[in-house]
Amino acid sequence: MSERVQVPAASARIRRGVPGDALALAEFASRTFSETFGAENREDDLEQHLRSSFGPAQQGVELADPDLITLLAEAEGKLAAFAQIRRARVPECVTGLAPVELWRFYVDRPWQGRGMAQRLMTSARQAARELGGRTFWLGVWERNLRAIAFYQKCGFRDVGSHEFWLGSDRQTDRVMVTPLE
C-alpha cells in the first residue's frame, strides 16, 4: 500500500485520458478495484472481472471511445484517481432527461479523505455535460457504504437497483441520480 500523501489534492492535475494511457490506467484500475473489493469477493470472480474489465487492450478501446470520457487525476507524477463517464444503456429507474453515467470512479487510498474525490467529481460533472447530459447517474455496490455516503454528499439520491456481475457472482448495485444544472 502507498504511504500517506503530504501534497494537497488541490495541486493534482486532472486531464483527459488518451490511448497512450492504457497500460498505466489498466494497472491503476486493477489495483484500486482489487483493494476496494478484493476482501469481500471470491478470488476467481475478482480475477475474471479484472481480466475482462481492466486489461490494457480494453482500456485502450475505452480511451478511444468518443462516447466515453476518462479523467485522470495525477499528483507527484503518478495516477491518484480516475473517473469514466459515458453514454450507455440506462436502467428503467433512471427517469431524468438526457442521462449520462458515472461508470467508474476510483481514488487511490492515500488520497481518500483529502479532497481529491470532490475535485474529480466536479470534473466528472463537467464531462457529463459535455456528453449532453442533464441527469447524472451511477451504480454503486450496495455494500460499499463509504461510496454511497460520498455520492449522497455530492447530491445523488437512490432511485432503485440493478444487477452487477463480478465474475460468476450476481451482485446488487444501488442506482443513484442527480441533476446536472
N, C-alpha and C. Protein backbone atom coordinates (compact mmCIF):
# COMPACT_ATOMS: atom_id res chain seq x y z
N MET A 1 0.84 -1.17 0.00
CA MET A 1 0.00 0.00 0.00
C MET A 1 0.89 1.24 0.00
N SER A 2 0.41 2.31 -0.63
CA SER A 2 1.15 3.56 -0.73
C SER A 2 1.19 4.26 0.61
N GLU A 3 2.24 5.07 0.79
CA GLU A 3 2.34 5.86 2.02
C GLU A 3 1.41 7.06 1.95
N ARG A 4 1.14 7.64 3.11
CA ARG A 4 0.25 8.80 3.20
C ARG A 4 0.83 9.97 2.41
N VAL A 5 0.00 10.61 1.62
CA VAL A 5 0.42 11.70 0.76
C VAL A 5 0.41 13.01 1.54
N GLN A 6 1.44 13.82 1.41
CA GLN A 6 1.53 15.11 2.08
C GLN A 6 1.12 16.27 1.18
N VAL A 7 1.15 16.07 -0.13
CA VAL A 7 0.82 17.10 -1.10
C VAL A 7 -0.69 17.32 -1.09
N PRO A 8 -1.17 18.57 -1.12
CA PRO A 8 -2.62 18.79 -1.12
C PRO A 8 -3.26 18.35 -2.43
N ALA A 9 -4.51 17.89 -2.34
CA ALA A 9 -5.24 17.44 -3.52
C ALA A 9 -5.41 18.57 -4.53
N ALA A 10 -5.45 19.81 -4.04
CA ALA A 10 -5.62 20.95 -4.95
C ALA A 10 -4.48 21.07 -5.95
N SER A 11 -3.33 20.47 -5.65
CA SER A 11 -2.19 20.56 -6.56
C SER A 11 -2.24 19.48 -7.65
N ALA A 12 -3.17 18.56 -7.53
CA ALA A 12 -3.28 17.49 -8.54
C ALA A 12 -3.75 18.08 -9.86
N ARG A 13 -3.33 17.44 -10.93
CA ARG A 13 -3.73 17.84 -12.28
C ARG A 13 -4.77 16.83 -12.76
N ILE A 14 -5.92 17.30 -13.24
CA ILE A 14 -6.94 16.42 -13.79
C ILE A 14 -6.98 16.67 -15.28
N ARG A 15 -6.83 15.59 -16.05
CA ARG A 15 -6.80 15.72 -17.50
C ARG A 15 -7.56 14.57 -18.13
N ARG A 16 -7.82 14.72 -19.41
CA ARG A 16 -8.46 13.64 -20.18
C ARG A 16 -7.44 12.57 -20.49
N GLY A 17 -7.88 11.33 -20.35
CA GLY A 17 -7.03 10.21 -20.73
C GLY A 17 -6.98 10.08 -22.25
N VAL A 18 -5.86 9.56 -22.74
CA VAL A 18 -5.66 9.30 -24.17
C VAL A 18 -5.23 7.84 -24.32
N PRO A 19 -5.35 7.27 -25.54
CA PRO A 19 -4.99 5.85 -25.71
C PRO A 19 -3.61 5.48 -25.17
N GLY A 20 -2.67 6.40 -25.18
CA GLY A 20 -1.35 6.11 -24.65
C GLY A 20 -1.32 5.87 -23.15
N ASP A 21 -2.40 6.18 -22.46
CA ASP A 21 -2.51 5.96 -21.01
C ASP A 21 -3.03 4.57 -20.67
N ALA A 22 -3.29 3.75 -21.68
CA ALA A 22 -3.98 2.47 -21.44
C ALA A 22 -3.27 1.57 -20.43
N LEU A 23 -1.98 1.40 -20.56
CA LEU A 23 -1.27 0.49 -19.66
C LEU A 23 -1.29 1.01 -18.22
N ALA A 24 -0.96 2.28 -18.03
CA ALA A 24 -0.95 2.85 -16.68
C ALA A 24 -2.35 2.80 -16.07
N LEU A 25 -3.37 3.12 -16.87
CA LEU A 25 -4.73 3.09 -16.36
C LEU A 25 -5.16 1.67 -16.01
N ALA A 26 -4.81 0.71 -16.86
CA ALA A 26 -5.17 -0.69 -16.59
C ALA A 26 -4.57 -1.15 -15.26
N GLU A 27 -3.31 -0.84 -15.03
CA GLU A 27 -2.65 -1.24 -13.79
C GLU A 27 -3.27 -0.55 -12.58
N PHE A 28 -3.52 0.75 -12.70
CA PHE A 28 -4.11 1.51 -11.60
C PHE A 28 -5.53 1.04 -11.30
N ALA A 29 -6.34 0.89 -12.35
CA ALA A 29 -7.73 0.48 -12.17
C ALA A 29 -7.82 -0.90 -11.54
N SER A 30 -6.99 -1.81 -12.03
CA SER A 30 -6.99 -3.17 -11.49
C SER A 30 -6.60 -3.16 -10.01
N ARG A 31 -5.58 -2.41 -9.68
CA ARG A 31 -5.11 -2.37 -8.29
C ARG A 31 -6.16 -1.73 -7.37
N THR A 32 -6.71 -0.59 -7.77
CA THR A 32 -7.66 0.08 -6.89
C THR A 32 -8.96 -0.72 -6.75
N PHE A 33 -9.39 -1.37 -7.83
CA PHE A 33 -10.58 -2.22 -7.74
C PHE A 33 -10.32 -3.38 -6.78
N SER A 34 -9.16 -4.01 -6.91
CA SER A 34 -8.81 -5.13 -6.02
C SER A 34 -8.73 -4.70 -4.56
N GLU A 35 -8.11 -3.55 -4.31
CA GLU A 35 -8.00 -3.06 -2.94
C GLU A 35 -9.38 -2.74 -2.36
N THR A 36 -10.28 -2.24 -3.19
CA THR A 36 -11.60 -1.85 -2.72
C THR A 36 -12.50 -3.06 -2.48
N PHE A 37 -12.46 -4.04 -3.39
CA PHE A 37 -13.44 -5.12 -3.35
C PHE A 37 -12.87 -6.52 -3.13
N GLY A 38 -11.57 -6.66 -3.15
CA GLY A 38 -10.94 -7.98 -3.07
C GLY A 38 -11.29 -8.77 -1.83
N ALA A 39 -11.30 -8.14 -0.68
CA ALA A 39 -11.52 -8.85 0.58
C ALA A 39 -12.94 -9.40 0.71
N GLU A 40 -13.89 -8.83 -0.04
CA GLU A 40 -15.29 -9.23 0.09
C GLU A 40 -15.80 -10.08 -1.07
N ASN A 41 -14.88 -10.54 -1.91
CA ASN A 41 -15.29 -11.33 -3.08
C ASN A 41 -14.37 -12.52 -3.27
N ARG A 42 -14.89 -13.53 -3.97
CA ARG A 42 -14.09 -14.72 -4.26
C ARG A 42 -12.98 -14.34 -5.24
N GLU A 43 -11.81 -14.88 -5.00
CA GLU A 43 -10.64 -14.55 -5.81
C GLU A 43 -10.83 -14.86 -7.29
N ASP A 44 -11.47 -16.00 -7.61
CA ASP A 44 -11.66 -16.33 -9.03
C ASP A 44 -12.62 -15.36 -9.71
N ASP A 45 -13.67 -14.92 -9.01
CA ASP A 45 -14.59 -13.94 -9.58
C ASP A 45 -13.89 -12.60 -9.79
N LEU A 46 -13.09 -12.21 -8.80
CA LEU A 46 -12.36 -10.95 -8.90
C LEU A 46 -11.39 -10.99 -10.09
N GLU A 47 -10.63 -12.05 -10.20
CA GLU A 47 -9.66 -12.17 -11.30
C GLU A 47 -10.36 -12.15 -12.66
N GLN A 48 -11.48 -12.83 -12.78
CA GLN A 48 -12.23 -12.84 -14.04
C GLN A 48 -12.68 -11.41 -14.39
N HIS A 49 -13.18 -10.69 -13.41
CA HIS A 49 -13.63 -9.31 -13.64
C HIS A 49 -12.45 -8.41 -14.04
N LEU A 50 -11.35 -8.54 -13.34
CA LEU A 50 -10.19 -7.70 -13.65
C LEU A 50 -9.69 -7.95 -15.07
N ARG A 51 -9.64 -9.22 -15.48
CA ARG A 51 -9.19 -9.54 -16.85
C ARG A 51 -10.11 -8.95 -17.90
N SER A 52 -11.42 -9.05 -17.68
CA SER A 52 -12.36 -8.60 -18.70
C SER A 52 -12.58 -7.08 -18.69
N SER A 53 -12.34 -6.43 -17.57
CA SER A 53 -12.65 -5.01 -17.46
C SER A 53 -11.45 -4.08 -17.49
N PHE A 54 -10.30 -4.53 -17.04
CA PHE A 54 -9.19 -3.60 -16.84
C PHE A 54 -7.90 -3.97 -17.55
N GLY A 55 -7.96 -4.80 -18.55
CA GLY A 55 -6.75 -5.10 -19.31
C GLY A 55 -6.32 -3.91 -20.15
N PRO A 56 -5.05 -3.83 -20.52
CA PRO A 56 -4.57 -2.71 -21.33
C PRO A 56 -5.32 -2.57 -22.66
N ALA A 57 -5.64 -3.68 -23.32
CA ALA A 57 -6.36 -3.59 -24.59
C ALA A 57 -7.75 -3.00 -24.38
N GLN A 58 -8.45 -3.45 -23.33
CA GLN A 58 -9.78 -2.92 -23.02
C GLN A 58 -9.69 -1.44 -22.70
N GLN A 59 -8.70 -1.05 -21.92
CA GLN A 59 -8.58 0.37 -21.58
C GLN A 59 -8.25 1.20 -22.83
N GLY A 60 -7.46 0.66 -23.74
CA GLY A 60 -7.19 1.35 -24.99
C GLY A 60 -8.45 1.62 -25.79
N VAL A 61 -9.32 0.61 -25.87
CA VAL A 61 -10.59 0.76 -26.57
C VAL A 61 -11.44 1.84 -25.89
N GLU A 62 -11.52 1.78 -24.57
CA GLU A 62 -12.32 2.75 -23.83
C GLU A 62 -11.77 4.17 -23.98
N LEU A 63 -10.46 4.31 -23.92
CA LEU A 63 -9.85 5.64 -24.04
C LEU A 63 -10.07 6.26 -25.42
N ALA A 64 -10.29 5.44 -26.43
CA ALA A 64 -10.52 5.93 -27.79
C ALA A 64 -12.00 6.12 -28.11
N ASP A 65 -12.89 5.70 -27.23
CA ASP A 65 -14.34 5.75 -27.47
C ASP A 65 -14.86 7.18 -27.34
N PRO A 66 -15.47 7.75 -28.38
CA PRO A 66 -15.96 9.13 -28.30
C PRO A 66 -17.17 9.30 -27.38
N ASP A 67 -17.82 8.21 -26.99
CA ASP A 67 -18.96 8.29 -26.08
C ASP A 67 -18.55 8.03 -24.63
N LEU A 68 -17.26 8.03 -24.36
CA LEU A 68 -16.74 7.77 -23.02
C LEU A 68 -15.60 8.74 -22.75
N ILE A 69 -15.68 9.44 -21.65
CA ILE A 69 -14.60 10.35 -21.25
C ILE A 69 -13.93 9.76 -20.03
N THR A 70 -12.61 9.61 -20.11
CA THR A 70 -11.82 9.14 -18.97
C THR A 70 -11.04 10.33 -18.43
N LEU A 71 -11.22 10.58 -17.15
CA LEU A 71 -10.49 11.65 -16.46
C LEU A 71 -9.44 11.02 -15.56
N LEU A 72 -8.23 11.52 -15.66
CA LEU A 72 -7.13 11.04 -14.84
C LEU A 72 -6.66 12.16 -13.92
N ALA A 73 -6.58 11.87 -12.63
CA ALA A 73 -6.03 12.83 -11.66
C ALA A 73 -4.62 12.38 -11.36
N GLU A 74 -3.66 13.27 -11.58
CA GLU A 74 -2.25 12.95 -11.36
C GLU A 74 -1.67 13.86 -10.30
N ALA A 75 -0.87 13.29 -9.43
CA ALA A 75 -0.18 14.04 -8.39
C ALA A 75 1.20 13.43 -8.22
N GLU A 76 2.17 14.27 -8.11
CA GLU A 76 3.56 13.82 -7.94
C GLU A 76 3.97 12.84 -9.04
N GLY A 77 3.47 13.08 -10.26
CA GLY A 77 3.84 12.26 -11.41
C GLY A 77 3.19 10.89 -11.48
N LYS A 78 2.20 10.63 -10.61
CA LYS A 78 1.53 9.32 -10.60
C LYS A 78 0.03 9.50 -10.61
N LEU A 79 -0.67 8.46 -11.09
CA LEU A 79 -2.13 8.48 -11.02
C LEU A 79 -2.56 8.44 -9.55
N ALA A 80 -3.52 9.29 -9.23
CA ALA A 80 -4.08 9.34 -7.88
C ALA A 80 -5.55 8.96 -7.88
N ALA A 81 -6.21 9.12 -9.05
CA ALA A 81 -7.64 8.82 -9.15
C ALA A 81 -8.03 8.81 -10.63
N PHE A 82 -9.18 8.20 -10.91
CA PHE A 82 -9.73 8.29 -12.27
C PHE A 82 -11.24 8.15 -12.22
N ALA A 83 -11.86 8.68 -13.26
CA ALA A 83 -13.31 8.56 -13.43
C ALA A 83 -13.58 8.32 -14.90
N GLN A 84 -14.62 7.54 -15.17
CA GLN A 84 -15.06 7.31 -16.55
C GLN A 84 -16.55 7.64 -16.63
N ILE A 85 -16.87 8.48 -17.60
CA ILE A 85 -18.21 8.98 -17.80
C ILE A 85 -18.64 8.56 -19.20
N ARG A 86 -19.86 8.02 -19.33
CA ARG A 86 -20.26 7.52 -20.64
C ARG A 86 -21.76 7.65 -20.88
N ARG A 87 -22.07 7.66 -22.17
CA ARG A 87 -23.46 7.47 -22.59
C ARG A 87 -23.63 5.97 -22.72
N ALA A 88 -24.62 5.43 -22.07
CA ALA A 88 -24.80 3.98 -22.05
C ALA A 88 -26.27 3.64 -21.83
N ARG A 89 -26.56 2.36 -21.90
CA ARG A 89 -27.91 1.87 -21.61
C ARG A 89 -28.28 2.29 -20.19
N VAL A 90 -29.51 2.75 -20.03
CA VAL A 90 -29.96 3.33 -18.77
C VAL A 90 -30.97 2.41 -18.09
N PRO A 91 -30.80 2.14 -16.79
CA PRO A 91 -31.81 1.34 -16.08
C PRO A 91 -33.16 2.07 -16.06
N GLU A 92 -34.24 1.31 -15.99
CA GLU A 92 -35.59 1.89 -16.00
C GLU A 92 -35.82 2.88 -14.86
N CYS A 93 -35.13 2.70 -13.75
CA CYS A 93 -35.35 3.58 -12.60
C CYS A 93 -34.76 4.98 -12.80
N VAL A 94 -33.95 5.16 -13.83
CA VAL A 94 -33.39 6.48 -14.15
C VAL A 94 -34.35 7.14 -15.13
N THR A 95 -35.05 8.17 -14.66
CA THR A 95 -36.10 8.77 -15.47
C THR A 95 -35.80 10.20 -15.90
N GLY A 96 -34.70 10.77 -15.47
CA GLY A 96 -34.38 12.15 -15.82
C GLY A 96 -34.03 12.30 -17.29
N LEU A 97 -34.00 13.53 -17.74
CA LEU A 97 -33.68 13.85 -19.13
C LEU A 97 -32.19 13.64 -19.41
N ALA A 98 -31.89 13.20 -20.63
CA ALA A 98 -30.52 13.07 -21.14
C ALA A 98 -29.56 12.48 -20.11
N PRO A 99 -29.79 11.23 -19.69
CA PRO A 99 -28.93 10.62 -18.67
C PRO A 99 -27.54 10.23 -19.20
N VAL A 100 -26.55 10.50 -18.37
CA VAL A 100 -25.16 10.12 -18.63
C VAL A 100 -24.66 9.42 -17.37
N GLU A 101 -23.89 8.35 -17.55
CA GLU A 101 -23.46 7.53 -16.43
C GLU A 101 -22.06 7.87 -15.93
N LEU A 102 -21.94 7.96 -14.62
CA LEU A 102 -20.64 7.95 -13.97
C LEU A 102 -20.32 6.47 -13.78
N TRP A 103 -19.56 5.92 -14.73
CA TRP A 103 -19.38 4.48 -14.82
C TRP A 103 -18.36 3.97 -13.80
N ARG A 104 -17.24 4.64 -13.72
CA ARG A 104 -16.19 4.24 -12.78
C ARG A 104 -15.67 5.48 -12.08
N PHE A 105 -15.34 5.32 -10.80
CA PHE A 105 -14.84 6.44 -10.01
C PHE A 105 -13.99 5.84 -8.89
N TYR A 106 -12.68 5.96 -9.00
CA TYR A 106 -11.77 5.35 -8.03
C TYR A 106 -10.69 6.33 -7.61
N VAL A 107 -10.48 6.42 -6.32
CA VAL A 107 -9.45 7.28 -5.74
C VAL A 107 -8.50 6.37 -4.96
N ASP A 108 -7.21 6.52 -5.23
CA ASP A 108 -6.20 5.73 -4.53
C ASP A 108 -6.28 6.01 -3.03
N ARG A 109 -6.08 4.99 -2.22
CA ARG A 109 -6.26 5.13 -0.77
C ARG A 109 -5.51 6.30 -0.14
N PRO A 110 -4.24 6.54 -0.51
CA PRO A 110 -3.56 7.67 0.13
C PRO A 110 -4.22 9.03 -0.12
N TRP A 111 -5.05 9.12 -1.15
CA TRP A 111 -5.71 10.37 -1.49
C TRP A 111 -7.13 10.46 -0.97
N GLN A 112 -7.65 9.41 -0.39
CA GLN A 112 -9.01 9.43 0.13
C GLN A 112 -9.08 10.33 1.37
N GLY A 113 -10.16 11.10 1.45
CA GLY A 113 -10.35 11.99 2.59
C GLY A 113 -9.53 13.27 2.51
N ARG A 114 -8.96 13.57 1.34
CA ARG A 114 -8.09 14.74 1.20
C ARG A 114 -8.61 15.75 0.17
N GLY A 115 -9.84 15.54 -0.31
CA GLY A 115 -10.42 16.46 -1.27
C GLY A 115 -10.28 16.04 -2.73
N MET A 116 -9.55 14.98 -2.99
CA MET A 116 -9.34 14.53 -4.36
C MET A 116 -10.67 14.10 -5.00
N ALA A 117 -11.47 13.36 -4.27
CA ALA A 117 -12.73 12.86 -4.83
C ALA A 117 -13.65 14.02 -5.20
N GLN A 118 -13.71 15.05 -4.36
CA GLN A 118 -14.56 16.20 -4.68
C GLN A 118 -14.07 16.91 -5.95
N ARG A 119 -12.76 17.07 -6.07
CA ARG A 119 -12.22 17.71 -7.28
C ARG A 119 -12.54 16.88 -8.51
N LEU A 120 -12.38 15.57 -8.41
CA LEU A 120 -12.65 14.70 -9.55
C LEU A 120 -14.14 14.70 -9.88
N MET A 121 -15.01 14.73 -8.87
CA MET A 121 -16.45 14.76 -9.12
C MET A 121 -16.84 16.04 -9.86
N THR A 122 -16.26 17.15 -9.51
CA THR A 122 -16.54 18.41 -10.21
C THR A 122 -16.19 18.28 -11.69
N SER A 123 -15.04 17.70 -11.97
CA SER A 123 -14.63 17.48 -13.37
C SER A 123 -15.51 16.46 -14.06
N ALA A 124 -15.95 15.45 -13.34
CA ALA A 124 -16.82 14.42 -13.92
C ALA A 124 -18.18 15.02 -14.31
N ARG A 125 -18.70 15.89 -13.48
CA ARG A 125 -19.97 16.56 -13.81
C ARG A 125 -19.83 17.37 -15.10
N GLN A 126 -18.71 18.08 -15.23
CA GLN A 126 -18.48 18.87 -16.44
C GLN A 126 -18.38 17.95 -17.66
N ALA A 127 -17.70 16.83 -17.51
CA ALA A 127 -17.58 15.87 -18.62
C ALA A 127 -18.95 15.33 -19.01
N ALA A 128 -19.80 15.07 -18.03
CA ALA A 128 -21.15 14.57 -18.31
C ALA A 128 -21.94 15.62 -19.10
N ARG A 129 -21.78 16.87 -18.75
CA ARG A 129 -22.44 17.94 -19.51
C ARG A 129 -21.92 17.99 -20.95
N GLU A 130 -20.62 17.80 -21.12
CA GLU A 130 -20.03 17.79 -22.46
C GLU A 130 -20.60 16.66 -23.32
N LEU A 131 -21.00 15.57 -22.69
CA LEU A 131 -21.63 14.47 -23.42
C LEU A 131 -23.13 14.71 -23.63
N GLY A 132 -23.60 15.87 -23.27
CA GLY A 132 -25.01 16.22 -23.46
C GLY A 132 -25.89 15.85 -22.29
N GLY A 133 -25.31 15.48 -21.17
CA GLY A 133 -26.09 15.03 -20.03
C GLY A 133 -26.81 16.14 -19.30
N ARG A 134 -28.01 15.78 -18.84
CA ARG A 134 -28.78 16.66 -17.94
C ARG A 134 -29.08 15.92 -16.64
N THR A 135 -28.92 14.60 -16.68
CA THR A 135 -29.09 13.76 -15.49
C THR A 135 -27.83 12.90 -15.38
N PHE A 136 -27.26 12.84 -14.18
CA PHE A 136 -26.05 12.07 -13.93
C PHE A 136 -26.46 10.89 -13.07
N TRP A 137 -26.09 9.69 -13.49
CA TRP A 137 -26.48 8.51 -12.71
C TRP A 137 -25.28 7.58 -12.54
N LEU A 138 -25.39 6.69 -11.57
CA LEU A 138 -24.33 5.72 -11.30
C LEU A 138 -24.91 4.49 -10.63
N GLY A 139 -24.15 3.41 -10.69
CA GLY A 139 -24.46 2.21 -9.92
C GLY A 139 -23.33 2.00 -8.91
N VAL A 140 -23.69 1.73 -7.67
CA VAL A 140 -22.69 1.52 -6.61
C VAL A 140 -23.10 0.28 -5.81
N TRP A 141 -22.12 -0.58 -5.54
CA TRP A 141 -22.40 -1.82 -4.82
C TRP A 141 -23.10 -1.50 -3.50
N GLU A 142 -24.20 -2.18 -3.25
CA GLU A 142 -25.00 -1.92 -2.06
C GLU A 142 -24.22 -2.08 -0.76
N ARG A 143 -23.10 -2.80 -0.79
CA ARG A 143 -22.29 -3.00 0.41
C ARG A 143 -21.14 -1.99 0.53
N ASN A 144 -21.02 -1.08 -0.43
CA ASN A 144 -19.96 -0.07 -0.40
C ASN A 144 -20.52 1.20 0.26
N LEU A 145 -20.66 1.15 1.57
CA LEU A 145 -21.32 2.21 2.31
C LEU A 145 -20.54 3.53 2.28
N ARG A 146 -19.23 3.46 2.24
CA ARG A 146 -18.42 4.68 2.16
C ARG A 146 -18.70 5.42 0.86
N ALA A 147 -18.74 4.69 -0.26
CA ALA A 147 -19.02 5.32 -1.55
C ALA A 147 -20.44 5.87 -1.58
N ILE A 148 -21.40 5.12 -1.06
CA ILE A 148 -22.79 5.60 -1.04
C ILE A 148 -22.88 6.91 -0.28
N ALA A 149 -22.21 7.00 0.88
CA ALA A 149 -22.23 8.22 1.67
C ALA A 149 -21.60 9.38 0.89
N PHE A 150 -20.50 9.11 0.19
CA PHE A 150 -19.86 10.16 -0.61
C PHE A 150 -20.81 10.65 -1.70
N TYR A 151 -21.43 9.72 -2.42
CA TYR A 151 -22.33 10.13 -3.50
C TYR A 151 -23.53 10.92 -2.96
N GLN A 152 -24.05 10.52 -1.81
CA GLN A 152 -25.14 11.28 -1.20
C GLN A 152 -24.67 12.70 -0.87
N LYS A 153 -23.46 12.82 -0.36
CA LYS A 153 -22.89 14.13 -0.05
C LYS A 153 -22.77 14.98 -1.32
N CYS A 154 -22.58 14.33 -2.46
CA CYS A 154 -22.47 15.02 -3.75
C CYS A 154 -23.83 15.29 -4.38
N GLY A 155 -24.92 14.97 -3.69
CA GLY A 155 -26.25 15.28 -4.18
C GLY A 155 -26.96 14.16 -4.92
N PHE A 156 -26.36 12.98 -5.00
CA PHE A 156 -27.02 11.84 -5.63
C PHE A 156 -28.07 11.27 -4.67
N ARG A 157 -29.17 10.76 -5.24
CA ARG A 157 -30.19 10.11 -4.43
C ARG A 157 -30.48 8.72 -5.01
N ASP A 158 -30.82 7.81 -4.15
CA ASP A 158 -31.10 6.43 -4.53
C ASP A 158 -32.46 6.35 -5.22
N VAL A 159 -32.48 5.72 -6.41
CA VAL A 159 -33.74 5.59 -7.15
C VAL A 159 -34.09 4.14 -7.48
N GLY A 160 -33.25 3.21 -7.11
CA GLY A 160 -33.53 1.81 -7.42
C GLY A 160 -32.26 0.97 -7.42
N SER A 161 -32.32 -0.13 -8.16
CA SER A 161 -31.17 -1.03 -8.19
C SER A 161 -31.06 -1.70 -9.56
N HIS A 162 -29.90 -2.30 -9.79
CA HIS A 162 -29.71 -3.15 -10.96
C HIS A 162 -28.62 -4.17 -10.65
N GLU A 163 -28.55 -5.18 -11.49
CA GLU A 163 -27.57 -6.25 -11.30
C GLU A 163 -26.18 -5.80 -11.74
N PHE A 164 -25.19 -6.34 -11.05
CA PHE A 164 -23.80 -6.19 -11.44
C PHE A 164 -23.17 -7.56 -11.30
N TRP A 165 -22.53 -8.02 -12.34
CA TRP A 165 -21.88 -9.33 -12.30
C TRP A 165 -20.39 -9.15 -12.06
N LEU A 166 -19.92 -9.75 -10.97
CA LEU A 166 -18.49 -9.81 -10.69
C LEU A 166 -18.10 -11.26 -10.91
N GLY A 167 -17.55 -11.53 -12.10
CA GLY A 167 -17.30 -12.93 -12.46
C GLY A 167 -18.62 -13.66 -12.52
N SER A 168 -18.74 -14.73 -11.74
CA SER A 168 -19.99 -15.52 -11.73
C SER A 168 -20.93 -15.10 -10.59
N ASP A 169 -20.56 -14.08 -9.85
CA ASP A 169 -21.34 -13.65 -8.69
C ASP A 169 -22.26 -12.48 -9.06
N ARG A 170 -23.57 -12.72 -8.98
CA ARG A 170 -24.54 -11.66 -9.24
C ARG A 170 -24.68 -10.80 -7.99
N GLN A 171 -24.39 -9.52 -8.14
CA GLN A 171 -24.47 -8.59 -7.03
C GLN A 171 -25.52 -7.52 -7.33
N THR A 172 -25.86 -6.76 -6.32
CA THR A 172 -26.84 -5.68 -6.48
C THR A 172 -26.16 -4.34 -6.31
N ASP A 173 -26.34 -3.49 -7.30
CA ASP A 173 -25.87 -2.10 -7.23
C ASP A 173 -27.07 -1.21 -6.94
N ARG A 174 -26.90 -0.25 -6.08
CA ARG A 174 -27.87 0.81 -5.89
C ARG A 174 -27.68 1.78 -7.06
N VAL A 175 -28.76 2.23 -7.64
CA VAL A 175 -28.70 3.22 -8.71
C VAL A 175 -29.02 4.57 -8.09
N MET A 176 -28.13 5.53 -8.33
CA MET A 176 -28.27 6.85 -7.77
C MET A 176 -28.24 7.89 -8.88
N VAL A 177 -28.98 8.97 -8.71
CA VAL A 177 -29.04 10.03 -9.73
C VAL A 177 -28.93 11.41 -9.10
N THR A 178 -28.52 12.36 -9.91
CA THR A 178 -28.53 13.77 -9.54
C THR A 178 -28.69 14.58 -10.82
N PRO A 179 -29.39 15.70 -10.74
CA PRO A 179 -29.50 16.53 -11.94
C PRO A 179 -28.19 17.25 -12.22
N LEU A 180 -27.94 17.52 -13.49
CA LEU A 180 -26.81 18.34 -13.91
C LEU A 180 -27.36 19.70 -14.27
N GLU A 181 -26.97 20.70 -13.54
CA GLU A 181 -27.52 22.03 -13.79
C GLU A 181 -26.57 22.86 -14.62
